[in-house]
Amino acid sequence: MISADRKDAASQTVAERKRAADLLARAERSELQAVWDALPQKPVAYPVRGPETGLVMVRGRIGGGGAPFNLGEVTVTRATVRLESGSIGHAQALGTDREKARLAAIFDALWQEETTREFIEQALLSPIAARIAAADHRKADETAATRVDFFTMVRGDN
């Protein structure tokens, strides 16, 4: 039987890994390349799969809560690498940039290692999260600027 503490720790680790994978998928190639160039010791990464490009069906929902429907296909590039240490990293990214997918997979593998996780968090994931938050805030401000408030005036029934 698995203790509640171990179960909580495992679910927290899964959530952290999902967050890292999400941020790596949304990273710009220039961000990944800059951190790769700044690495003091570049790990040797052996390709396990890819990078390879294919199509993925994207599903949508009307109003965010309706019945799902197939919206269309998007191009996705994925890669899986194994570092000399044995860590395996996976990455998927929209588009056809194979080097971006390869670098993201390497950083995913490095993130899993205790010795490099903090560096990856500070040098790569935190700036990506900040960029995404700033873009979301800017979009919210632009949307708010176009807001129109409607009101109805009460007429007297004479």
C-alpha atoms as a PDB file:
ATOM      1  CA  MET A   1       0.000   0.000   0.000  1.00  0.00           C
ATOM      2  CA  ILE A   2       1.338   3.428  -0.946  1.00  0.00           C
ATOM      3  CA  SER A   3       1.335   6.025   1.799  1.00  0.00           C
ATOM      4  CA  ALA A   4      -0.542   9.285   1.328  1.00  0.00           C
ATOM      5  CA  ASP A   5       2.711  11.274   1.557  1.00  0.00           C
ATOM      6  CA  ARG A   6       4.322   9.283  -1.265  1.00  0.00           C
ATOM      7  CA  LYS A   7       1.184   9.667  -3.373  1.00  0.00           C
ATOM      8  CA  ASP A   8       1.157  13.448  -2.812  1.00  0.00           C
ATOM      9  CA  ALA A   9       4.866  13.696  -3.649  1.00  0.00           C
ATOM     10  CA  ALA A  10       4.369  11.680  -6.831  1.00  0.00           C
ATOM     11  CA  SER A  11       1.430  13.811  -7.975  1.00  0.00           C
ATOM     12  CA  GLN A  12       3.399  16.986  -7.216  1.00  0.00           C
ATOM     13  CA  THR A  13       6.325  15.695  -9.284  1.00  0.00           C
ATOM     14  CA  VAL A  14       3.970  14.877 -12.162  1.00  0.00           C
ATOM     15  CA  ALA A  15       2.469  18.382 -11.980  1.00  0.00           C
ATOM     16  CA  GLU A  16       5.938  19.960 -11.974  1.00  0.00           C
ATOM     17  CA  ARG A  17       7.003  17.844 -14.951  1.00  0.00           C
ATOM     18  CA  LYS A  18       3.843  18.826 -16.856  1.00  0.00           C
ATOM     19  CA  ARG A  19       4.596  22.484 -16.130  1.00  0.00           C
ATOM     20  CA  ALA A  20       8.170  22.086 -17.392  1.00  0.00           C
ATOM     21  CA  ALA A  21       7.015  20.254 -20.540  1.00  0.00           C
ATOM     22  CA  ASP A  22       4.412  22.958 -21.211  1.00  0.00           C
ATOM     23  CA  LEU A  23       6.959  25.743 -20.873  1.00  0.00           C
ATOM     24  CA  LEU A  24       9.504  23.922 -23.051  1.00  0.00           C
ATOM     25  CA  ALA A  25       6.856  23.409 -25.739  1.00  0.00           C
ATOM     26  CA  ARG A  26       6.039  27.136 -25.686  1.00  0.00           C
ATOM     27  CA  ALA A  27       9.682  28.257 -25.684  1.00  0.00           C
ATOM     28  CA  GLU A  28      11.151  30.146 -28.598  1.00  0.00           C
ATOM     29  CA  ARG A  29      14.104  28.510 -30.310  1.00  0.00           C
ATOM     30  CA  SER A  30      16.245  31.544 -29.498  1.00  0.00           C
ATOM     31  CA  GLU A  31      15.536  31.081 -25.771  1.00  0.00           C
ATOM     32  CA  LEU A  32      16.526  27.422 -25.913  1.00  0.00           C
ATOM     33  CA  GLN A  33      19.629  28.156 -27.987  1.00  0.00           C
ATOM     34  CA  ALA A  34      20.806  30.927 -25.642  1.00  0.00           C
ATOM     35  CA  VAL A  35      20.635  28.660 -22.585  1.00  0.00           C
ATOM     36  CA  TRP A  36      22.271  25.803 -24.518  1.00  0.00           C
ATOM     37  CA  ASP A  37      25.135  28.123 -25.485  1.00  0.00           C
ATOM     38  CA  ALA A  38      25.455  29.226 -21.833  1.00  0.00           C
ATOM     39  CA  LEU A  39      25.752  25.673 -20.474  1.00  0.00           C
ATOM     40  CA  PRO A  40      29.223  25.201 -18.974  1.00  0.00           C
ATOM     41  CA  GLN A  41      29.240  21.474 -19.792  1.00  0.00           C
ATOM     42  CA  LYS A  42      27.053  20.383 -22.655  1.00  0.00           C
ATOM     43  CA  PRO A  43      25.691  16.873 -22.142  1.00  0.00           C
ATOM     44  CA  VAL A  44      26.005  14.241 -24.831  1.00  0.00           C
ATOM     45  CA  ALA A  45      22.491  13.429 -26.022  1.00  0.00           C
ATOM     46  CA  TYR A  46      21.721  10.308 -28.009  1.00  0.00           C
ATOM     47  CA  PRO A  47      18.588  10.376 -30.159  1.00  0.00           C
ATOM     48  CA  VAL A  48      16.011   7.786 -29.145  1.00  0.00           C
ATOM     49  CA  ARG A  49      13.306   9.017 -31.506  1.00  0.00           C
ATOM     50  CA  GLY A  50      13.343  11.776 -34.055  1.00  0.00           C
ATOM     51  CA  PRO A  51      13.247  14.631 -34.278  1.00  0.00           C
ATOM     52  CA  GLU A  52      10.336  13.869 -36.537  1.00  0.00           C
ATOM     53  CA  THR A  53       7.481  15.963 -37.862  1.00  0.00           C
ATOM     54  CA  GLY A  54       3.870  14.914 -38.276  1.00  0.00           C
ATOM     55  CA  LEU A  55       0.274  16.053 -37.998  1.00  0.00           C
ATOM     56  CA  VAL A  56      -1.917  16.113 -34.913  1.00  0.00           C
ATOM     57  CA  MET A  57      -5.683  16.610 -34.865  1.00  0.00           C
ATOM     58  CA  VAL A  58      -6.711  19.605 -32.764  1.00  0.00           C
ATOM     59  CA  ARG A  59     -10.073  19.462 -31.039  1.00  0.00           C
ATOM     60  CA  GLY A  60     -12.220  22.399 -30.046  1.00  0.00           C
ATOM     61  CA  ARG A  61     -15.332  23.154 -28.025  1.00  0.00           C
ATOM     62  CA  ILE A  62     -17.832  25.893 -28.770  1.00  0.00           C
ATOM     63  CA  GLY A  63     -17.821  28.316 -25.877  1.00  0.00           C
ATOM     64  CA  GLY A  64     -15.223  26.208 -24.110  1.00  0.00           C
ATOM     65  CA  GLY A  65     -17.832  23.830 -22.729  1.00  0.00           C
ATOM     66  CA  GLY A  66     -19.760  22.427 -25.670  1.00  0.00           C
ATOM     67  CA  ALA A  67     -19.399  19.086 -27.361  1.00  0.00           C
ATOM     68  CA  PRO A  68     -15.897  18.506 -28.758  1.00  0.00           C
ATOM     69  CA  PHE A  69     -15.341  18.648 -32.506  1.00  0.00           C
ATOM     70  CA  ASN A  70     -12.318  18.209 -34.778  1.00  0.00           C
ATOM     71  CA  LEU A  71     -11.047  21.704 -35.514  1.00  0.00           C
ATOM     72  CA  GLY A  72      -8.217  20.795 -37.870  1.00  0.00           C
ATOM     73  CA  GLU A  73      -4.689  19.468 -38.102  1.00  0.00           C
ATOM     74  CA  VAL A  74      -1.485  21.155 -36.970  1.00  0.00           C
ATOM     75  CA  THR A  75       2.133  20.302 -37.655  1.00  0.00           C
ATOM     76  CA  VAL A  76       4.048  19.073 -34.611  1.00  0.00           C
ATOM     77  CA  THR A  77       7.688  18.085 -34.256  1.00  0.00           C
ATOM     78  CA  ARG A  78       8.698  15.702 -31.488  1.00  0.00           C
ATOM     79  CA  ALA A  79      11.977  14.349 -30.194  1.00  0.00           C
ATOM     80  CA  THR A  80      13.190  11.956 -27.517  1.00  0.00           C
ATOM     81  CA  VAL A  81      16.794  11.887 -26.312  1.00  0.00           C
ATOM     82  CA  ARG A  82      18.809   9.936 -23.748  1.00  0.00           C
ATOM     83  CA  LEU A  83      21.670  11.601 -21.920  1.00  0.00           C
ATOM     84  CA  GLU A  84      24.843   9.753 -20.918  1.00  0.00           C
ATOM     85  CA  SER A  85      23.530   9.824 -17.346  1.00  0.00           C
ATOM     86  CA  GLY A  86      20.521   7.761 -18.453  1.00  0.00           C
ATOM     87  CA  SER A  87      17.893  10.512 -18.191  1.00  0.00           C
ATOM     88  CA  ILE A  88      15.389  10.457 -21.025  1.00  0.00           C
ATOM     89  CA  GLY A  89      13.805  13.673 -22.240  1.00  0.00           C
ATOM     90  CA  HIS A  90      10.762  14.120 -24.449  1.00  0.00           C
ATOM     91  CA  ALA A  91       9.545  17.224 -26.262  1.00  0.00           C
ATOM     92  CA  GLN A  92       6.843  18.271 -28.685  1.00  0.00           C
ATOM     93  CA  ALA A  93       6.568  21.645 -30.361  1.00  0.00           C
ATOM     94  CA  LEU A  94       4.221  23.203 -32.877  1.00  0.00           C
ATOM     95  CA  GLY A  95       5.799  23.660 -36.274  1.00  0.00           C
ATOM     96  CA  THR A  96       8.643  21.997 -38.121  1.00  0.00           C
ATOM     97  CA  ASP A  97      11.683  23.213 -36.175  1.00  0.00           C
ATOM     98  CA  ARG A  98      13.575  19.978 -35.466  1.00  0.00           C
ATOM     99  CA  GLU A  99      16.413  21.654 -33.576  1.00  0.00           C
ATOM    100  CA  LYS A 100      13.935  23.332 -31.230  1.00  0.00           C
ATOM    101  CA  ALA A 101      12.349  19.951 -30.439  1.00  0.00           C
ATOM    102  CA  ARG A 102      15.778  18.357 -29.901  1.00  0.00           C
ATOM    103  CA  LEU A 103      16.938  21.131 -27.564  1.00  0.00           C
ATOM    104  CA  ALA A 104      13.656  21.031 -25.639  1.00  0.00           C
ATOM    105  CA  ALA A 105      14.046  17.257 -25.185  1.00  0.00           C
ATOM    106  CA  ILE A 106      17.592  17.739 -23.879  1.00  0.00           C
ATOM    107  CA  PHE A 107      16.395  20.373 -21.413  1.00  0.00           C
ATOM    108  CA  ASP A 108      13.567  18.073 -20.320  1.00  0.00           C
ATOM    109  CA  ALA A 109      16.138  15.379 -19.537  1.00  0.00           C
ATOM    110  CA  LEU A 110      18.354  17.897 -17.714  1.00  0.00           C
ATOM    111  CA  TRP A 111      15.355  19.151 -15.721  1.00  0.00           C
ATOM    112  CA  GLN A 112      14.806  15.623 -14.407  1.00  0.00           C
ATOM    113  CA  GLU A 113      18.307  15.499 -12.924  1.00  0.00           C
ATOM    114  CA  GLU A 114      18.626  16.982  -9.434  1.00  0.00           C
ATOM    115  CA  THR A 115      22.037  18.514 -10.226  1.00  0.00           C
ATOM    116  CA  THR A 116      20.794  20.632 -13.143  1.00  0.00           C
ATOM    117  CA  ARG A 117      17.113  21.189 -12.323  1.00  0.00           C
ATOM    118  CA  GLU A 118      17.632  24.485 -10.487  1.00  0.00           C
ATOM    119  CA  PHE A 119      19.768  25.878 -13.330  1.00  0.00           C
ATOM    120  CA  ILE A 120      17.120  24.935 -15.917  1.00  0.00           C
ATOM    121  CA  GLU A 121      14.375  26.461 -13.753  1.00  0.00           C
ATOM    122  CA  GLN A 122      16.220  29.770 -13.277  1.00  0.00           C
ATOM    123  CA  ALA A 123      17.906  30.166 -16.651  1.00  0.00           C
ATOM    124  CA  LEU A 124      15.161  28.844 -18.905  1.00  0.00           C
ATOM    125  CA  LEU A 125      11.760  28.028 -17.436  1.00  0.00           C
ATOM    126  CA  SER A 126      11.283  31.135 -15.270  1.00  0.00           C
ATOM    127  CA  PRO A 127      12.039  33.566 -18.133  1.00  0.00           C
ATOM    128  CA  ILE A 128       9.709  31.626 -20.450  1.00  0.00           C
ATOM    129  CA  ALA A 129       6.924  31.747 -17.844  1.00  0.00           C
ATOM    130  CA  ALA A 130       7.513  35.491 -17.375  1.00  0.00           C
ATOM    131  CA  ARG A 131       7.363  36.106 -21.143  1.00  0.00           C
ATOM    132  CA  ILE A 132       4.122  34.138 -21.454  1.00  0.00           C
ATOM    133  CA  ALA A 133       2.563  35.942 -18.471  1.00  0.00           C
ATOM    134  CA  ALA A 134       3.535  39.329 -19.951  1.00  0.00           C
ATOM    135  CA  ALA A 135       2.016  38.380 -23.320  1.00  0.00           C
ATOM    136  CA  ASP A 136      -1.186  37.204 -21.621  1.00  0.00           C
ATOM    137  CA  HIS A 137      -1.366  40.452 -19.628  1.00  0.00           C
ATOM    138  CA  ARG A 138      -0.778  42.542 -22.761  1.00  0.00           C
ATOM    139  CA  LYS A 139      -3.514  40.638 -24.615  1.00  0.00           C
ATOM    140  CA  ALA A 140      -5.917  41.111 -21.690  1.00  0.00           C
ATOM    141  CA  ASP A 141      -5.185  44.860 -21.699  1.00  0.00           C
ATOM    142  CA  GLU A 142      -5.783  45.075 -25.461  1.00  0.00           C
ATOM    143  CA  THR A 143      -9.043  43.182 -25.094  1.00  0.00           C
ATOM    144  CA  ALA A 144     -10.167  45.358 -22.175  1.00  0.00           C
ATOM    145  CA  ALA A 145      -9.544  48.486 -24.275  1.00  0.00           C
ATOM    146  CA  THR A 146     -12.176  47.326 -26.775  1.00  0.00           C
ATOM    147  CA  ARG A 147     -14.811  46.547 -24.162  1.00  0.00           C
ATOM    148  CA  VAL A 148     -18.191  48.125 -24.694  1.00  0.00           C
ATOM    149  CA  ASP A 149     -20.695  48.460 -21.855  1.00  0.00           C
ATOM    150  CA  PHE A 150     -24.322  48.426 -22.880  1.00  0.00           C
ATOM    151  CA  PHE A 151     -27.098  49.751 -20.723  1.00  0.00           C
ATOM    152  CA  THR A 152     -30.796  50.335 -21.111  1.00  0.00           C
ATOM    153  CA  MET A 153     -32.510  53.522 -20.101  1.00  0.00           C
ATOM    154  CA  VAL A 154     -35.901  53.162 -18.514  1.00  0.00           C
ATOM    155  CA  ARG A 155     -38.612  54.991 -20.417  1.00  0.00           C
ATOM    156  CA  GLY A 156     -41.705  56.292 -18.794  1.00  0.00           C
ATOM    157  CA  ASP A 157     -44.959  54.713 -19.984  1.00  0.00           C
ATOM    158  CA  ASN A 158     -47.094  57.802 -20.635  1.00  0.00           C
END
